[in-house]
PDB file of N, CA and C in Angstrom:
ATOM      1  N   MET A   1      12.039  -3.932   1.791  1.00  0.00           N
ATOM      2  CA  MET A   1      11.153  -2.898   1.047  1.00  0.00           C
ATOM      3  C   MET A   1       9.828  -3.042   1.584  1.00  0.00           C
ATOM      4  N   LEU A   2       9.373  -4.345   1.894  1.00  0.00           N
ATOM      5  CA  LEU A   2       7.899  -4.208   2.493  1.00  0.00           C
ATOM      6  C   LEU A   2       7.702  -3.546   3.757  1.00  0.00           C
ATOM      7  N   PRO A   3       8.637  -3.614   4.727  1.00  0.00           N
ATOM      8  CA  PRO A   3       8.531  -2.621   5.967  1.00  0.00           C
ATOM      9  C   PRO A   3       8.345  -1.211   5.537  1.00  0.00           C
ATOM     10  N   LYS A   4       9.020  -0.622   4.583  1.00  0.00           N
ATOM     11  CA  LYS A   4       8.834   0.694   4.226  1.00  0.00           C
ATOM     12  C   LYS A   4       7.381   0.896   3.813  1.00  0.00           C
ATOM     13  N   VAL A   5       6.982   0.051   2.816  1.00  0.00           N
ATOM     14  CA  VAL A   5       5.836   0.050   2.160  1.00  0.00           C
ATOM     15  C   VAL A   5       4.650   0.102   3.175  1.00  0.00           C
ATOM     16  N   LYS A   6       4.788  -0.824   4.264  1.00  0.00           N
ATOM     17  CA  LYS A   6       3.724  -0.806   5.328  1.00  0.00           C
ATOM     18  C   LYS A   6       3.715   0.341   5.970  1.00  0.00           C
ATOM     19  N   HIS A   7       4.865   0.973   6.513  1.00  0.00           N
ATOM     20  CA  HIS A   7       4.967   2.119   7.099  1.00  0.00           C
ATOM     21  C   HIS A   7       4.274   3.331   6.449  1.00  0.00           C
ATOM     22  N   VAL A   8       4.423   3.445   5.197  1.00  0.00           N
ATOM     23  CA  VAL A   8       3.777   4.434   4.256  1.00  0.00           C
ATOM     24  C   VAL A   8       2.293   4.218   4.160  1.00  0.00           C
ATOM     25  N   LEU A   9       1.722   2.926   4.149  1.00  0.00           N
ATOM     26  CA  LEU A   9       0.312   2.629   4.032  1.00  0.00           C
ATOM     27  C   LEU A   9      -0.338   2.878   5.559  1.00  0.00           C
ATOM     28  N   GLU A  10       0.390   2.599   6.678  1.00  0.00           N
ATOM     29  CA  GLU A  10      -0.039   2.950   7.763  1.00  0.00           C
ATOM     30  C   GLU A  10      -0.321   4.427   8.113  1.00  0.00           C
ATOM     31  N   TYR A  11       0.630   5.308   7.732  1.00  0.00           N
ATOM     32  CA  TYR A  11       0.632   6.629   8.071  1.00  0.00           C
ATOM     33  C   TYR A  11      -0.109   7.663   7.103  1.00  0.00           C
ATOM     34  N   LEU A  12       0.164   7.127   5.795  1.00  0.00           N
ATOM     35  CA  LEU A  12      -0.599   7.906   4.795  1.00  0.00           C
ATOM     36  C   LEU A  12      -2.088   7.588   4.403  1.00  0.00           C
ATOM     37  N   ARG A  13      -2.275   6.159   4.682  1.00  0.00           N
ATOM     38  CA  ARG A  13      -3.547   5.656   4.201  1.00  0.00           C
ATOM     39  C   ARG A  13      -3.910   5.924   2.950  1.00  0.00           C
ATOM     40  N   PRO A  14      -3.014   5.802   1.961  1.00  0.00           N
ATOM     41  CA  PRO A  14      -3.626   6.089   0.541  1.00  0.00           C
ATOM     42  C   PRO A  14      -4.801   5.266   0.034  1.00  0.00           C
ATOM     43  N   GLY A  15      -5.485   5.953  -0.878  1.00  0.00           N
ATOM     44  CA  GLY A  15      -6.566   5.145  -1.548  1.00  0.00           C
ATOM     45  C   GLY A  15      -5.941   4.570  -2.858  1.00  0.00           C
ATOM     46  N   THR A  16      -4.842   5.075  -3.316  1.00  0.00           N
ATOM     47  CA  THR A  16      -4.216   4.663  -4.356  1.00  0.00           C
ATOM     48  C   THR A  16      -2.757   4.833  -4.251  1.00  0.00           C
ATOM     49  N   ALA A  17      -2.070   3.636  -4.831  1.00  0.00           N
ATOM     50  CA  ALA A  17      -0.626   3.590  -4.714  1.00  0.00           C
ATOM     51  C   ALA A  17       0.012   3.271  -5.824  1.00  0.00           C
ATOM     52  N   PHE A  18       1.143   3.796  -6.283  1.00  0.00           N
ATOM     53  CA  PHE A  18       1.780   3.621  -7.472  1.00  0.00           C
ATOM     54  C   PHE A  18       3.145   3.130  -7.024  1.00  0.00           C
ATOM     55  N   PHE A  19       3.752   1.966  -7.860  1.00  0.00           N
ATOM     56  CA  PHE A  19       4.953   1.447  -7.743  1.00  0.00           C
ATOM     57  C   PHE A  19       5.642   1.485  -9.007  1.00  0.00           C
ATOM     58  N   TRP A  20       6.856   1.993  -9.178  1.00  0.00           N
ATOM     59  CA  TRP A  20       7.662   2.112 -10.197  1.00  0.00           C
ATOM     60  C   TRP A  20       8.724   1.118 -10.488  1.00  0.00           C
ATOM     61  N   ASP A  21       8.732   0.364 -11.509  1.00  0.00           N
ATOM     62  CA  ASP A  21       9.760  -0.626 -11.637  1.00  0.00           C
ATOM     63  C   ASP A  21      10.675  -0.431 -12.938  1.00  0.00           C
ATOM     64  N   GLY A  22      11.790  -0.955 -12.944  1.00  0.00           N
ATOM     65  CA  GLY A  22      12.797  -0.989 -14.145  1.00  0.00           C
ATOM     66  C   GLY A  22      13.452   0.173 -14.285  1.00  0.00           C
ATOM     67  N   ASP A  23      13.624   1.117 -13.315  1.00  0.00           N
ATOM     68  CA  ASP A  23      14.281   2.396 -13.643  1.00  0.00           C
ATOM     69  C   ASP A  23      15.755   2.123 -13.839  1.00  0.00           C
ATOM     70  N   GLY A  24      16.388   2.636 -14.842  1.00  0.00           N
ATOM     71  CA  GLY A  24      17.736   2.380 -14.940  1.00  0.00           C
ATOM     72  C   GLY A  24      18.085   1.254 -15.861  1.00  0.00           C
ATOM     73  N   ASP A  25      19.440   0.999 -15.977  1.00  0.00           N
ATOM     74  CA  ASP A  25      19.852  -0.036 -16.891  1.00  0.00           C
ATOM     75  C   ASP A  25      19.859  -1.418 -16.496  1.00  0.00           C
ATOM     76  N   MET A  26      18.996  -2.260 -17.074  1.00  0.00           N
ATOM     77  CA  MET A  26      18.707  -3.615 -16.502  1.00  0.00           C
ATOM     78  C   MET A  26      18.792  -4.487 -17.771  1.00  0.00           C
ATOM     79  N   THR A  27      19.285  -5.542 -17.395  1.00  0.00           N
ATOM     80  CA  THR A  27      19.136  -6.564 -18.546  1.00  0.00           C
ATOM     81  C   THR A  27      17.763  -7.199 -18.768  1.00  0.00           C
ATOM     82  N   HIS A  28      17.481  -7.884 -19.650  1.00  0.00           N
ATOM     83  CA  HIS A  28      16.221  -8.493 -20.030  1.00  0.00           C
ATOM     84  C   HIS A  28      15.841  -9.471 -18.821  1.00  0.00           C
ATOM     85  N   GLU A  29      16.756 -10.170 -18.522  1.00  0.00           N
ATOM     86  CA  GLU A  29      16.489 -11.189 -17.338  1.00  0.00           C
ATOM     87  C   GLU A  29      16.237 -10.476 -16.106  1.00  0.00           C
ATOM     88  N   ASP A  30      16.915  -9.374 -15.721  1.00  0.00           N
ATOM     89  CA  ASP A  30      16.659  -8.602 -14.533  1.00  0.00           C
ATOM     90  C   ASP A  30      15.306  -8.020 -14.748  1.00  0.00           C
ATOM     91  N   GLN A  31      14.844  -7.484 -15.939  1.00  0.00           N
ATOM     92  CA  GLN A  31      13.499  -6.934 -15.921  1.00  0.00           C
ATOM     93  C   GLN A  31      12.475  -7.900 -15.802  1.00  0.00           C
ATOM     94  N   VAL A  32      12.705  -9.149 -16.233  1.00  0.00           N
ATOM     95  CA  VAL A  32      11.717 -10.221 -16.164  1.00  0.00           C
ATOM     96  C   VAL A  32      11.448 -10.495 -14.718  1.00  0.00           C
ATOM     97  N   ARG A  33      12.707 -10.703 -14.137  1.00  0.00           N
ATOM     98  CA  ARG A  33      12.802 -11.210 -12.670  1.00  0.00           C
ATOM     99  C   ARG A  33      11.966 -10.139 -11.868  1.00  0.00           C
ATOM    100  N   SER A  34      12.448  -8.885 -12.103  1.00  0.00           N
ATOM    101  CA  SER A  34      11.689  -7.674 -11.268  1.00  0.00           C
ATOM    102  C   SER A  34      10.244  -7.693 -11.484  1.00  0.00           C
ATOM    103  N   MET A  35       9.802  -7.969 -12.752  1.00  0.00           N
ATOM    104  CA  MET A  35       8.284  -8.045 -12.907  1.00  0.00           C
ATOM    105  C   MET A  35       7.569  -9.041 -12.297  1.00  0.00           C
ATOM    106  N   ARG A  36       8.181 -10.222 -12.262  1.00  0.00           N
ATOM    107  CA  ARG A  36       7.669 -11.439 -11.819  1.00  0.00           C
ATOM    108  C   ARG A  36       7.605 -11.338 -10.052  1.00  0.00           C
ATOM    109  N   LEU A  37       8.800 -10.647  -9.591  1.00  0.00           N
ATOM    110  CA  LEU A  37       8.578 -10.373  -8.149  1.00  0.00           C
ATOM    111  C   LEU A  37       7.637  -9.423  -7.822  1.00  0.00           C
ATOM    112  N   TYR A  38       7.397  -8.300  -8.612  1.00  0.00           N
ATOM    113  CA  TYR A  38       6.246  -7.478  -8.310  1.00  0.00           C
ATOM    114  C   TYR A  38       4.820  -8.300  -8.269  1.00  0.00           C
ATOM    115  N   GLY A  39       4.687  -9.017  -9.371  1.00  0.00           N
ATOM    116  CA  GLY A  39       3.359  -9.759  -9.430  1.00  0.00           C
ATOM    117  C   GLY A  39       3.215 -10.872  -8.387  1.00  0.00           C
ATOM    118  N   GLN A  40       4.211 -11.490  -8.011  1.00  0.00           N
ATOM    119  CA  GLN A  40       4.107 -12.670  -7.215  1.00  0.00           C
ATOM    120  C   GLN A  40       4.347 -12.369  -5.607  1.00  0.00           C
ATOM    121  N   GLU A  41       5.124 -11.266  -5.375  1.00  0.00           N
ATOM    122  CA  GLU A  41       5.397 -10.942  -3.944  1.00  0.00           C
ATOM    123  C   GLU A  41       4.860  -9.461  -3.602  1.00  0.00           C
ATOM    124  N   LEU A  42       5.384  -8.636  -4.255  1.00  0.00           N
ATOM    125  CA  LEU A  42       5.129  -7.205  -3.840  1.00  0.00           C
ATOM    126  C   LEU A  42       3.527  -7.011  -3.878  1.00  0.00           C
ATOM    127  N   ILE A  43       2.892  -7.250  -4.828  1.00  0.00           N
ATOM    128  CA  ILE A  43       1.431  -6.713  -4.974  1.00  0.00           C
ATOM    129  C   ILE A  43       0.566  -7.616  -4.092  1.00  0.00           C
ATOM    130  N   PRO A  44       0.814  -8.934  -3.990  1.00  0.00           N
ATOM    131  CA  PRO A  44      -0.044  -9.681  -2.965  1.00  0.00           C
ATOM    132  C   PRO A  44       0.136  -9.172  -1.674  1.00  0.00           C
ATOM    133  N   ALA A  45       1.531  -8.867  -1.211  1.00  0.00           N
ATOM    134  CA  ALA A  45       1.863  -8.370   0.042  1.00  0.00           C
ATOM    135  C   ALA A  45       1.112  -7.071   0.277  1.00  0.00           C
ATOM    136  N   VAL A  46       1.201  -6.224  -0.516  1.00  0.00           N
ATOM    137  CA  VAL A  46       0.441  -5.031  -0.439  1.00  0.00           C
ATOM    138  C   VAL A  46      -0.950  -5.033  -0.249  1.00  0.00           C
ATOM    139  N   LYS A  47      -1.574  -5.978  -1.026  1.00  0.00           N
ATOM    140  CA  LYS A  47      -2.970  -6.193  -1.016  1.00  0.00           C
ATOM    141  C   LYS A  47      -3.418  -6.603   0.444  1.00  0.00           C
ATOM    142  N   GLU A  48      -2.576  -7.646   1.024  1.00  0.00           N
ATOM    143  CA  GLU A  48      -2.823  -8.050   2.344  1.00  0.00           C
ATOM    144  C   GLU A  48      -2.690  -6.995   3.403  1.00  0.00           C
ATOM    145  N   MET A  49      -1.525  -6.218   3.285  1.00  0.00           N
ATOM    146  CA  MET A  49      -1.459  -5.072   4.109  1.00  0.00           C
ATOM    147  C   MET A  49      -2.670  -4.191   4.239  1.00  0.00           C
ATOM    148  N   ALA A  50      -3.074  -3.780   2.897  1.00  0.00           N
ATOM    149  CA  ALA A  50      -4.184  -2.996   2.970  1.00  0.00           C
ATOM    150  C   ALA A  50      -5.475  -3.581   3.458  1.00  0.00           C
ATOM    151  N   LYS A  51      -5.683  -4.764   3.401  1.00  0.00           N
ATOM    152  CA  LYS A  51      -6.722  -5.428   3.977  1.00  0.00           C
ATOM    153  C   LYS A  51      -6.840  -5.454   5.529  1.00  0.00           C
ATOM    154  N   GLU A  52      -5.527  -5.716   6.085  1.00  0.00           N
ATOM    155  CA  GLU A  52      -5.292  -5.600   7.532  1.00  0.00           C
ATOM    156  C   GLU A  52      -5.550  -4.192   7.971  1.00  0.00           C
ATOM    157  N   LEU A  53      -5.154  -3.391   7.240  1.00  0.00           N
ATOM    158  CA  LEU A  53      -5.226  -1.830   8.052  1.00  0.00           C
ATOM    159  C   LEU A  53      -6.641  -1.294   7.334  1.00  0.00           C
ATOM    160  N   ASP A  54      -7.542  -2.117   6.841  1.00  0.00           N
ATOM    161  CA  ASP A  54      -8.812  -1.535   6.350  1.00  0.00           C
ATOM    162  C   ASP A  54      -8.689  -0.389   5.309  1.00  0.00           C
ATOM    163  N   LEU A  55      -7.739  -0.512   4.655  1.00  0.00           N
ATOM    164  CA  LEU A  55      -7.804   0.706   3.602  1.00  0.00           C
ATOM    165  C   LEU A  55      -8.702   0.432   2.404  1.00  0.00           C
ATOM    166  N   LYS A  56      -9.318   1.499   2.010  1.00  0.00           N
ATOM    167  CA  LYS A  56     -10.316   1.534   0.856  1.00  0.00           C
ATOM    168  C   LYS A  56      -9.524   2.074  -0.391  1.00  0.00           C
ATOM    169  N   SER A  57     -10.104   1.544  -1.514  1.00  0.00           N
ATOM    170  CA  SER A  57      -9.463   2.274  -2.763  1.00  0.00           C
ATOM    171  C   SER A  57     -10.277   3.510  -2.800  1.00  0.00           C
ATOM    172  N   SER A  58      -9.695   4.346  -3.781  1.00  0.00           N
ATOM    173  CA  SER A  58     -10.618   5.556  -3.991  1.00  0.00           C
ATOM    174  C   SER A  58     -11.796   5.380  -4.677  1.00  0.00           C
ATOM    175  N   PHE A  59     -12.054   4.121  -5.120  1.00  0.00           N
ATOM    176  CA  PHE A  59     -13.539   3.899  -5.758  1.00  0.00           C
ATOM    177  C   PHE A  59     -14.437   3.434  -4.648  1.00  0.00           C
ATOM    178  N   GLU A  60     -13.858   3.243  -3.412  1.00  0.00           N
ATOM    179  CA  GLU A  60     -14.818   2.751  -2.345  1.00  0.00           C
ATOM    180  C   GLU A  60     -15.138   3.777  -1.530  1.00  0.00           C
ATOM    181  N   THR A  61     -14.721   5.059  -1.563  1.00  0.00           N
ATOM    182  CA  THR A  61     -15.108   6.140  -0.705  1.00  0.00           C
ATOM    183  C   THR A  61     -15.614   7.228  -1.534  1.00  0.00           C
ATOM    184  N   ASN A  62     -16.276   8.183  -0.822  1.00  0.00           N
ATOM    185  CA  ASN A  62     -16.991   9.134  -1.811  1.00  0.00           C
ATOM    186  C   ASN A  62     -16.688  10.603  -0.923  1.00  0.00           C
ATOM    187  N   ASP A  63     -15.901  10.568   0.118  1.00  0.00           N
ATOM    188  CA  ASP A  63     -15.561  12.016   0.792  1.00  0.00           C
ATOM    189  C   ASP A  63     -14.443  12.824   0.249  1.00  0.00           C
ATOM    190  N   GLY A  64     -13.909  12.434  -0.804  1.00  0.00           N
ATOM    191  CA  GLY A  64     -12.724  13.105  -1.483  1.00  0.00           C
ATOM    192  C   GLY A  64     -11.397  13.000  -0.842  1.00  0.00           C
ATOM    193  N   THR A  65     -11.337  12.117   0.342  1.00  0.00           N
ATOM    194  CA  THR A  65     -10.012  11.915   0.967  1.00  0.00           C
ATOM    195  C   THR A  65      -9.433  10.668   0.837  1.00  0.00           C
ATOM    196  N   GLY A  66     -10.234   9.748   0.366  1.00  0.00           N
ATOM    197  CA  GLY A  66      -9.513   8.301   0.209  1.00  0.00           C
ATOM    198  C   GLY A  66      -9.920   7.520   1.463  1.00  0.00           C
ATOM    199  N   VAL A  67     -10.337   8.185   2.517  1.00  0.00           N
ATOM    200  CA  VAL A  67     -10.353   7.488   3.946  1.00  0.00           C
ATOM    201  C   VAL A  67     -11.925   7.381   4.265  1.00  0.00           C
ATOM    202  N   SER A  68     -12.374   6.208   4.599  1.00  0.00           N
ATOM    203  CA  SER A  68     -13.648   6.158   5.158  1.00  0.00           C
ATOM    204  C   SER A  68     -13.735   6.474   6.575  1.00  0.00           C
ATOM    205  N   PRO A  69     -14.929   7.047   7.037  1.00  0.00           N
ATOM    206  CA  PRO A  69     -15.052   7.533   8.491  1.00  0.00           C
ATOM    207  C   PRO A  69     -14.617   6.353   9.285  1.00  0.00           C
ATOM    208  N   VAL A  70     -14.950   5.238   9.128  1.00  0.00           N
ATOM    209  CA  VAL A  70     -14.800   4.020   9.878  1.00  0.00           C
ATOM    210  C   VAL A  70     -13.258   3.787  10.034  1.00  0.00           C
ATOM    211  N   ALA A  71     -12.584   3.752   9.021  1.00  0.00           N
ATOM    212  CA  ALA A  71     -10.987   3.503   8.681  1.00  0.00           C
ATOM    213  C   ALA A  71     -10.338   4.649   9.504  1.00  0.00           C
ATOM    214  N   TRP A  72     -10.949   6.059   9.401  1.00  0.00           N
ATOM    215  CA  TRP A  72     -10.187   7.051  10.182  1.00  0.00           C
ATOM    216  C   TRP A  72     -10.381   6.992  11.543  1.00  0.00           C
ATOM    217  N   ALA A  73     -11.547   6.325  12.050  1.00  0.00           N
ATOM    218  CA  ALA A  73     -11.716   6.082  13.547  1.00  0.00           C
ATOM    219  C   ALA A  73     -10.842   5.195  13.991  1.00  0.00           C
ATOM    220  N   LYS A  74     -10.655   4.040  13.298  1.00  0.00           N
ATOM    221  CA  LYS A  74      -9.824   3.045  13.678  1.00  0.00           C
ATOM    222  C   LYS A  74      -8.176   3.433  13.639  1.00  0.00           C
ATOM    223  N   THR A  75      -7.875   4.248  12.897  1.00  0.00           N
ATOM    224  CA  THR A  75      -6.532   4.730  12.754  1.00  0.00           C
ATOM    225  C   THR A  75      -6.397   5.570  14.160  1.00  0.00           C
ATOM    226  N   LYS A  76      -7.280   6.564  14.428  1.00  0.00           N
ATOM    227  CA  LYS A  76      -7.093   7.486  15.510  1.00  0.00           C
ATOM    228  C   LYS A  76      -7.096   6.466  16.856  1.00  0.00           C
ATOM    229  N   GLU A  77      -7.882   5.345  16.883  1.00  0.00           N
ATOM    230  CA  GLU A  77      -7.867   4.449  17.989  1.00  0.00           C
ATOM    231  C   GLU A  77      -6.469   3.706  18.182  1.00  0.00           C
ATOM    232  N   ARG A  78      -5.809   3.354  16.784  1.00  0.00           N
ATOM    233  CA  ARG A  78      -4.434   2.766  16.860  1.00  0.00           C
ATOM    234  C   ARG A  78      -3.387   3.660  17.525  1.00  0.00           C
ATOM    235  N   GLN A  79      -3.464   4.959  16.943  1.00  0.00           N
ATOM    236  CA  GLN A  79      -2.552   6.075  17.330  1.00  0.00           C
ATOM    237  C   GLN A  79      -2.653   6.168  18.918  1.00  0.00           C
ATOM    238  N   LYS A  80      -3.781   6.227  19.344  1.00  0.00           N
ATOM    239  CA  LYS A  80      -3.983   6.358  20.994  1.00  0.00           C
ATOM    240  C   LYS A  80      -3.417   5.259  21.665  1.00  0.00           C
ATOM    241  N   ALA A  81      -3.585   3.987  21.116  1.00  0.00           N
ATOM    242  CA  ALA A  81      -3.083   2.657  21.920  1.00  0.00           C
ATOM    243  C   ALA A  81      -1.511   2.842  21.785  1.00  0.00           C
ATOM    244  N   LYS A  82      -0.879   3.397  20.664  1.00  0.00           N
ATOM    245  CA  LYS A  82       0.536   3.318  20.613  1.00  0.00           C
ATOM    246  C   LYS A  82       1.009   4.322  21.706  1.00  0.00           C
ATOM    247  N   ALA A  83       0.247   5.509  21.890  1.00  0.00           N
ATOM    248  CA  ALA A  83       0.883   6.533  22.811  1.00  0.00           C
ATOM    249  C   ALA A  83       0.987   6.113  24.183  1.00  0.00           C
TER     250      ALA A  83
END
């Protein structure tokens, strides 16, 4: 799951992301385990990815796109380097 999340963060560069948990029939134990994994593994990993990618939250930008000019330039540089 984390590689897919990183792919989305790299290409969409969102200022806000939502993760849905507990969809479908789950036992209480499965629900507790799922929430624990979200809090202990998923969310910290996503925060680290966002820091590595220099992603800013929608509260840290003011241009309406969720992307700071510096982050946009870095993205373009990375894309050129990959080409």
